Protein backbone atom coordinates (compact mmCIF):
# COMPACT_ATOMS: atom_id res chain seq x y z
CA MET A 1 28.30 -46.49 -111.21
CA ASN A 2 25.90 -45.79 -114.03
CA ALA A 3 22.84 -47.96 -113.31
CA PRO A 4 21.03 -49.42 -116.32
CA GLU A 5 17.93 -47.48 -117.27
CA HIS A 6 15.80 -50.50 -118.24
CA ASN A 7 13.12 -51.14 -115.60
CA LEU A 8 15.05 -48.99 -113.13
CA ILE A 9 13.24 -48.37 -109.85
CA ASP A 10 15.24 -45.71 -108.05
CA LEU A 11 14.17 -45.58 -104.39
CA HIS A 12 15.52 -42.05 -104.20
CA ALA A 13 13.47 -41.01 -107.22
CA LEU A 14 10.35 -42.66 -105.84
CA ARG A 15 10.83 -40.71 -102.64
CA SER A 16 11.35 -37.46 -104.49
CA ALA A 17 8.25 -38.00 -106.59
CA GLY A 18 6.04 -38.30 -103.51
CA GLU A 19 4.91 -35.58 -101.14
CA ASN A 20 7.34 -34.57 -98.42
CA LEU A 21 5.98 -35.98 -95.18
CA ASP A 22 7.90 -33.36 -93.22
CA ALA A 23 6.15 -30.53 -95.05
CA PRO A 24 3.69 -28.29 -93.13
CA GLY A 25 0.50 -30.19 -92.47
CA ALA A 26 2.06 -33.62 -92.87
CA ARG A 27 1.96 -34.41 -89.16
CA PRO A 28 -0.76 -33.14 -86.83
CA GLY A 29 0.50 -30.48 -84.46
CA PRO A 30 -0.46 -30.22 -80.80
CA ASP A 31 -3.55 -28.14 -81.57
CA GLU A 32 -4.66 -30.11 -84.62
CA SER A 33 -6.92 -33.14 -84.78
CA GLY A 34 -4.73 -36.24 -84.83
CA PRO A 35 -5.49 -39.77 -86.04
CA LYS A 36 -7.50 -40.64 -82.92
CA ALA A 37 -9.73 -37.62 -83.41
CA VAL A 38 -10.27 -38.63 -87.03
CA HIS A 39 -11.20 -42.14 -85.92
CA ASP A 40 -13.63 -40.88 -83.26
CA GLU A 41 -15.25 -38.54 -85.76
CA LEU A 42 -15.46 -41.34 -88.32
CA LEU A 43 -17.39 -43.55 -85.92
CA GLN A 44 -20.09 -40.87 -85.72
CA ASP A 45 -20.41 -40.48 -89.50
CA GLU A 46 -23.00 -42.16 -91.66
CA PRO A 47 -21.85 -44.43 -94.52
CA PRO A 48 -20.08 -44.25 -96.91
CA LEU A 49 -17.38 -42.80 -94.61
CA ARG A 50 -16.46 -46.32 -93.43
CA SER A 51 -12.77 -46.30 -94.31
CA LEU A 52 -10.31 -44.78 -91.86
CA LEU A 53 -7.92 -44.27 -94.77
CA GLY A 54 -10.68 -42.45 -96.65
CA ALA A 55 -11.32 -40.21 -93.64
CA ILE A 56 -7.63 -39.35 -93.38
CA MET A 57 -7.42 -38.56 -97.10
CA LEU A 58 -10.55 -36.42 -96.80
CA ARG A 59 -9.07 -34.43 -93.93
CA GLN A 60 -5.78 -34.04 -95.80
CA GLY A 61 -7.68 -32.62 -98.77
CA ALA A 62 -6.63 -35.44 -101.10
CA ILE A 63 -10.18 -36.51 -101.93
CA ASP A 64 -13.69 -35.02 -101.87
CA ALA A 65 -16.48 -36.43 -99.74
CA SER A 66 -18.55 -36.96 -102.89
CA ALA A 67 -15.89 -39.33 -104.24
CA ILE A 68 -15.89 -41.63 -101.20
CA GLU A 69 -19.02 -43.44 -102.40
CA ARG A 70 -17.51 -44.10 -105.83
CA VAL A 71 -14.32 -45.46 -104.30
CA ALA A 72 -16.23 -47.67 -101.85
CA ASP A 73 -18.34 -49.14 -104.67
CA HIS A 74 -15.27 -49.79 -106.83
CA GLN A 75 -13.46 -51.29 -103.85
CA ARG A 76 -16.28 -53.75 -103.11
CA GLY A 77 -16.86 -54.66 -106.75
CA ASN A 78 -13.22 -55.42 -107.45
CA GLU A 79 -12.03 -56.67 -104.03
CA MET A 80 -9.41 -53.94 -103.80
CA LEU A 81 -7.99 -51.91 -100.95
CA PHE A 82 -9.45 -48.42 -100.56
CA GLY A 83 -6.28 -46.64 -101.69
CA GLU A 84 -5.85 -48.89 -104.71
CA ALA A 85 -9.46 -48.27 -105.74
CA ALA A 86 -9.01 -44.49 -105.46
CA VAL A 87 -5.88 -44.64 -107.64
CA ALA A 88 -7.56 -46.95 -110.16
CA LEU A 89 -10.40 -44.42 -110.55
CA LYS A 90 -7.77 -41.69 -111.02
CA LEU A 91 -9.25 -39.70 -108.15
CA VAL A 92 -5.92 -39.43 -106.31
CA GLU A 93 -2.22 -39.90 -107.02
CA PRO A 94 -0.30 -42.78 -105.37
CA CYS A 95 1.72 -40.28 -103.33
CA ALA A 96 -1.53 -39.07 -101.68
CA VAL A 97 -2.36 -42.63 -100.68
CA ALA A 98 1.17 -43.09 -99.31
CA ARG A 99 0.83 -39.94 -97.22
CA ALA A 100 -2.50 -41.09 -95.75
CA LEU A 101 -1.12 -44.57 -95.11
CA ALA A 102 1.85 -43.07 -93.30
CA GLU A 103 -0.51 -41.39 -90.83
CA GLN A 104 -2.74 -44.44 -90.51
CA GLU A 105 0.14 -46.89 -90.05
CA TYR A 106 1.94 -44.61 -87.61
CA VAL A 107 -0.95 -45.11 -85.18
CA SER A 108 -0.93 -48.91 -85.44
CA ILE A 109 2.86 -49.14 -85.15
CA GLU A 110 2.98 -46.86 -82.10
CA ALA A 111 0.55 -49.16 -80.33
CA THR A 112 2.69 -52.27 -80.76
CA GLY A 113 5.14 -51.50 -77.95
CA ALA A 114 8.76 -52.63 -77.57
CA SER A 115 10.35 -54.85 -80.19
CA ASN A 116 13.58 -56.68 -80.97
CA ILE A 117 13.46 -55.51 -84.58
CA ALA A 118 16.75 -54.01 -85.77
CA THR A 119 16.94 -50.30 -86.56
CA GLU A 120 17.73 -51.21 -90.19
CA VAL A 121 14.07 -52.05 -90.61
CA THR A 122 13.22 -48.42 -91.24
CA ALA A 123 9.60 -49.10 -92.16
CA PHE A 124 8.99 -50.27 -88.59
CA HIS A 125 11.03 -47.78 -86.58
CA ASP A 126 10.43 -44.67 -88.69
CA PRO A 127 7.16 -45.14 -90.62
CA LEU A 128 6.97 -41.46 -91.54
CA SER A 129 10.47 -41.27 -93.01
CA GLN A 130 11.14 -40.52 -96.66
CA ASP A 131 12.76 -43.95 -97.06
CA THR A 132 9.56 -45.63 -95.89
CA GLU A 133 7.53 -43.48 -98.28
CA SER A 134 9.74 -44.76 -101.12
CA LEU A 135 9.07 -48.34 -100.06
CA ARG A 136 5.33 -47.70 -100.09
CA ALA A 137 5.60 -46.32 -103.60
CA LEU A 138 7.38 -49.53 -104.63
CA ARG A 139 4.62 -51.53 -102.94
CA THR A 140 2.03 -49.65 -105.01
CA ARG A 141 3.87 -50.58 -108.21
CA LEU A 142 3.59 -54.25 -107.25
CA ALA A 143 -0.13 -54.08 -106.39
CA ILE A 144 -1.34 -54.93 -109.92
CA ASP A 145 0.60 -58.20 -109.95
CA GLU A 146 -0.69 -58.96 -106.46
CA SER A 147 -4.33 -58.53 -107.53
CA ARG A 148 -3.83 -61.01 -110.38
CA ARG A 149 -2.41 -63.66 -108.06
CA LEU A 150 -5.13 -63.18 -105.44
CA ALA A 151 -7.73 -63.74 -108.16
CA GLU A 152 -6.06 -67.13 -108.66
CA GLY A 153 -6.34 -67.89 -104.95
CA ARG A 154 -2.67 -67.58 -104.07
CA ALA A 155 -0.13 -65.06 -102.88
CA LEU A 156 2.09 -62.88 -105.02
CA THR A 157 5.56 -64.45 -104.64
CA ILE A 158 8.43 -61.97 -104.91
CA ALA A 159 12.10 -63.02 -105.01
CA ILE A 160 14.64 -60.36 -104.03
CA VAL A 161 17.94 -60.99 -105.85
CA SER A 162 21.29 -59.31 -106.42
CA ALA A 163 24.60 -60.11 -108.05
CA GLN A 164 26.75 -59.91 -104.94
CA ARG A 165 26.63 -59.49 -101.18
CA GLY A 166 26.20 -56.08 -99.59
CA GLU A 167 23.77 -54.67 -102.15
CA GLY A 168 20.72 -54.64 -99.87
CA ARG A 169 18.66 -57.76 -100.61
CA SER A 170 17.86 -58.53 -96.98
CA TRP A 171 17.21 -54.87 -96.15
CA LEU A 172 14.76 -54.53 -99.03
CA ALA A 173 13.01 -57.84 -98.29
CA ALA A 174 12.56 -56.97 -94.60
CA ASN A 175 11.28 -53.46 -95.20
CA LEU A 176 8.98 -54.46 -98.07
CA ALA A 177 7.51 -57.18 -95.83
CA VAL A 178 6.73 -54.59 -93.17
CA VAL A 179 5.08 -52.09 -95.52
CA PHE A 180 2.98 -54.81 -97.15
CA SER A 181 1.75 -56.02 -93.76
CA GLN A 182 1.10 -52.47 -92.59
CA SER A 183 -1.35 -52.03 -95.46
CA GLY A 184 -3.48 -54.88 -94.14
CA ARG A 185 -2.07 -57.64 -96.35
CA ARG A 186 -1.22 -60.97 -94.79
CA THR A 187 2.50 -61.23 -95.53
CA VAL A 188 5.07 -64.00 -95.14
CA LEU A 189 8.82 -63.32 -95.28
CA LEU A 190 10.97 -66.36 -96.10
CA ASP A 191 14.74 -66.29 -95.64
CA ALA A 192 15.94 -68.72 -98.32
CA ASP A 193 19.57 -67.65 -98.02
CA LEU A 194 20.69 -70.83 -96.27
CA ARG A 195 24.36 -69.82 -96.55
CA ASN A 196 24.43 -66.31 -95.05
CA PRO A 197 20.98 -65.68 -93.54
CA ARG A 198 20.09 -62.24 -92.20
CA GLN A 199 16.38 -62.07 -91.44
CA HIS A 200 16.68 -63.70 -88.01
CA GLN A 201 19.05 -60.87 -87.04
CA LEU A 202 16.87 -58.11 -88.48
CA PHE A 203 13.78 -59.36 -86.63
CA GLY A 204 15.46 -60.55 -83.43
CA ASP A 205 14.48 -64.21 -83.88
CA ALA A 206 16.87 -66.46 -81.96
CA SER A 207 15.15 -69.74 -82.85
CA ARG A 208 17.23 -72.31 -84.72
CA ASP A 209 14.07 -73.89 -86.15
CA GLY A 210 13.79 -72.64 -89.72
CA VAL A 211 13.20 -73.66 -93.31
CA ALA A 212 16.43 -75.70 -93.49
CA ALA A 213 15.22 -78.04 -90.74
CA TRP A 214 11.87 -78.45 -92.49
CA LEU A 215 13.40 -79.13 -95.91
CA SER A 216 15.86 -81.67 -94.51
CA GLY A 217 13.15 -83.53 -92.62
CA ARG A 218 14.43 -82.58 -89.17
CA SER A 219 11.25 -80.67 -88.35
CA ALA A 220 7.66 -81.83 -88.68
CA LEU A 221 6.29 -78.39 -89.55
CA PRO A 222 7.77 -75.19 -91.02
CA GLY A 223 8.80 -72.84 -88.22
CA VAL A 224 6.65 -69.91 -89.33
CA ARG A 225 6.32 -67.39 -86.51
CA PRO A 226 4.47 -64.06 -86.24
CA VAL A 227 6.72 -61.01 -85.95
CA ALA A 228 6.08 -59.29 -82.62
CA GLY A 229 4.99 -55.72 -83.20
CA VAL A 230 3.99 -56.05 -86.86
CA ARG A 231 0.43 -57.22 -87.37
CA GLY A 232 -0.06 -59.58 -90.26
CA LEU A 233 3.63 -60.40 -90.79
CA ASP A 234 4.93 -63.95 -90.39
CA LEU A 235 8.60 -64.91 -90.64
CA LEU A 236 10.20 -68.19 -91.67
CA THR A 237 13.92 -67.90 -90.96
CA ALA A 238 16.64 -69.97 -92.58
CA GLY A 239 17.49 -71.73 -89.30
CA SER A 240 20.69 -73.69 -88.77
CA ARG A 241 23.02 -73.71 -91.75
CA PRO A 242 22.79 -77.04 -93.59
CA PRO A 243 25.71 -78.79 -95.34
CA ASN A 244 23.71 -79.11 -98.60
CA PRO A 245 21.81 -75.84 -99.20
CA GLN A 246 21.54 -76.15 -102.98
CA GLU A 247 20.07 -79.65 -102.77
CA LEU A 248 17.46 -78.43 -100.28
CA ILE A 249 16.50 -75.39 -102.36
CA GLY A 250 16.37 -77.43 -105.56
CA GLY A 251 14.22 -80.20 -104.11
CA THR A 252 10.49 -80.67 -104.47
CA ALA A 253 10.01 -79.98 -100.75
CA PHE A 254 10.97 -76.35 -101.33
CA GLU A 255 8.35 -75.92 -104.05
CA ARG A 256 5.74 -77.54 -101.80
CA THR A 257 6.72 -75.17 -98.99
CA LEU A 258 6.20 -72.15 -101.23
CA GLY A 259 2.83 -73.53 -102.31
CA HIS A 260 1.79 -74.03 -98.68
CA LEU A 261 2.86 -70.53 -97.65
CA SER A 262 1.22 -69.01 -100.71
CA THR A 263 -2.24 -70.25 -99.76
CA SER A 264 -2.15 -68.55 -96.36
CA ALA A 265 -0.98 -65.07 -97.38
CA SER A 266 -1.47 -62.25 -99.85
CA VAL A 267 2.25 -61.64 -100.36
CA LEU A 268 5.21 -63.99 -100.02
CA LEU A 269 8.64 -62.31 -100.05
CA ILE A 270 11.80 -64.41 -100.44
CA ASP A 271 15.29 -63.29 -99.46
CA THR A 272 17.87 -65.08 -101.62
CA PRO A 273 21.65 -65.74 -101.63
CA ALA A 274 23.99 -63.54 -103.67
CA ALA A 275 24.38 -64.78 -107.25
CA SER A 276 28.17 -64.44 -107.06
CA GLU A 277 28.34 -67.13 -104.37
CA CYS A 278 26.07 -69.87 -105.69
CA ALA A 279 23.32 -70.81 -108.13
CA ASP A 280 20.62 -71.05 -105.43
CA TYR A 281 19.13 -67.73 -106.54
CA SER A 282 18.16 -69.17 -109.96
CA LEU A 283 16.29 -72.09 -108.39
CA ILE A 284 14.35 -69.68 -106.18
CA ALA A 285 13.69 -67.15 -108.95
CA LYS A 286 12.11 -69.86 -111.11
CA CYS A 287 9.50 -70.41 -108.38
CA ALA A 288 8.62 -66.71 -108.04
CA ASP A 289 5.98 -64.65 -109.81
CA VAL A 290 8.10 -61.51 -109.70
CA VAL A 291 11.85 -60.96 -109.43
CA LEU A 292 13.21 -57.69 -108.05
CA MET A 293 16.92 -57.09 -108.54
CA VAL A 294 18.82 -54.83 -106.13
CA VAL A 295 21.84 -52.76 -107.09
CA ARG A 296 23.65 -50.41 -104.74
CA GLU A 297 25.38 -47.14 -105.32
CA ARG A 298 29.18 -47.36 -105.00
CA VAL A 299 28.97 -51.14 -104.53
CA SER A 300 27.50 -52.63 -107.72
CA ARG A 301 29.38 -52.63 -111.03
CA GLU A 302 27.65 -51.97 -114.34
CA ARG A 303 29.12 -54.96 -116.19
CA GLN A 304 28.20 -57.27 -113.33
CA ILE A 305 24.64 -55.94 -113.35
CA ARG A 306 24.25 -56.47 -117.08
CA ASP A 307 25.66 -59.99 -116.89
CA PHE A 308 23.30 -60.83 -114.06
CA THR A 309 20.20 -59.49 -115.82
CA THR A 310 21.17 -61.58 -118.85
CA ARG A 311 21.41 -64.71 -116.70
CA LEU A 312 17.98 -64.02 -115.20
CA ALA A 313 16.49 -63.53 -118.66
CA GLU A 314 17.99 -66.84 -119.80
CA ILE A 315 16.01 -68.70 -117.15
CA GLY A 316 12.85 -66.83 -118.08
CA LYS A 317 12.90 -64.54 -115.04
CA ALA A 318 13.92 -61.12 -116.28
CA PRO A 319 13.54 -58.75 -113.32
CA LEU A 320 10.34 -56.76 -113.12
CA GLY A 321 12.49 -53.91 -111.88
CA ILE A 322 16.01 -53.04 -110.80
CA VAL A 323 15.83 -51.36 -107.41
CA TYR A 324 18.58 -48.75 -107.16
CA ASN A 325 19.59 -48.66 -103.50
CA ARG A 326 21.30 -45.44 -102.46
CA GLN A 327 21.59 -46.44 -98.81
CA SER A 328 25.02 -45.58 -97.49
């Protein structure tokens, strides 16, 4: 398949553009100072070395100590994350931030203990992998849109869409949710595929109480639950399959649900049904700030992709990017 070039976000290319996390010096060896040593040393430092991420980047040689003050000032003045402020000031490249985050997040993930999360959620099980680095690079590309929405007092709402099943919508939604939450953002993942839901399987959630029950009036409150092992990530599964999914998605209750979730998070990610099976995706996309379209190598067809992008443009939701999934 020849993927369209317009707005193409190739996960493989994003990974290749970043630094190789398996290169010498990427992980601390047995005789090197690891993340805990960095943290202990940081606690003894005077300001402005207040950011653990900044300390890691300093040790990795990505930033000078003299630049920490500038980044901290820019961070406070613009309500940004440390890494975003450093990139905005053009003091570091996004790949340097991703490498530091990988080390920082590896510590927090290790401490979470056992989990029912499926191995497909690579960002959780292998936070130092090249696939996870690619997802962080994609997260960085979305940060500008997120900052705009936070200034308005609401979350950045991202709908993950694709033309047919098997292209990786649920995989991308789950992994993006994890990397957003790992960066300290309050994140909500909503499974709005009421026909063939997947997020309850990926995150080991056996509850039948989900968004379908809430939208149909069978539940008093949305069944939003924290994901065990991932700080800052909440999940609202699809729940039991309803007989009228399109009516539920197209109703005003769905829009109110998104508004409610948006006020309690920084990022709201929505997993959607395949466009080839129903029109639900268009109803969801209209409610989103950003639409990401997924295509998959050896699965997606070029004509189908072009037809689908045209349909999205016709409803005023041309995809911000087409994520080229090379997962086998």
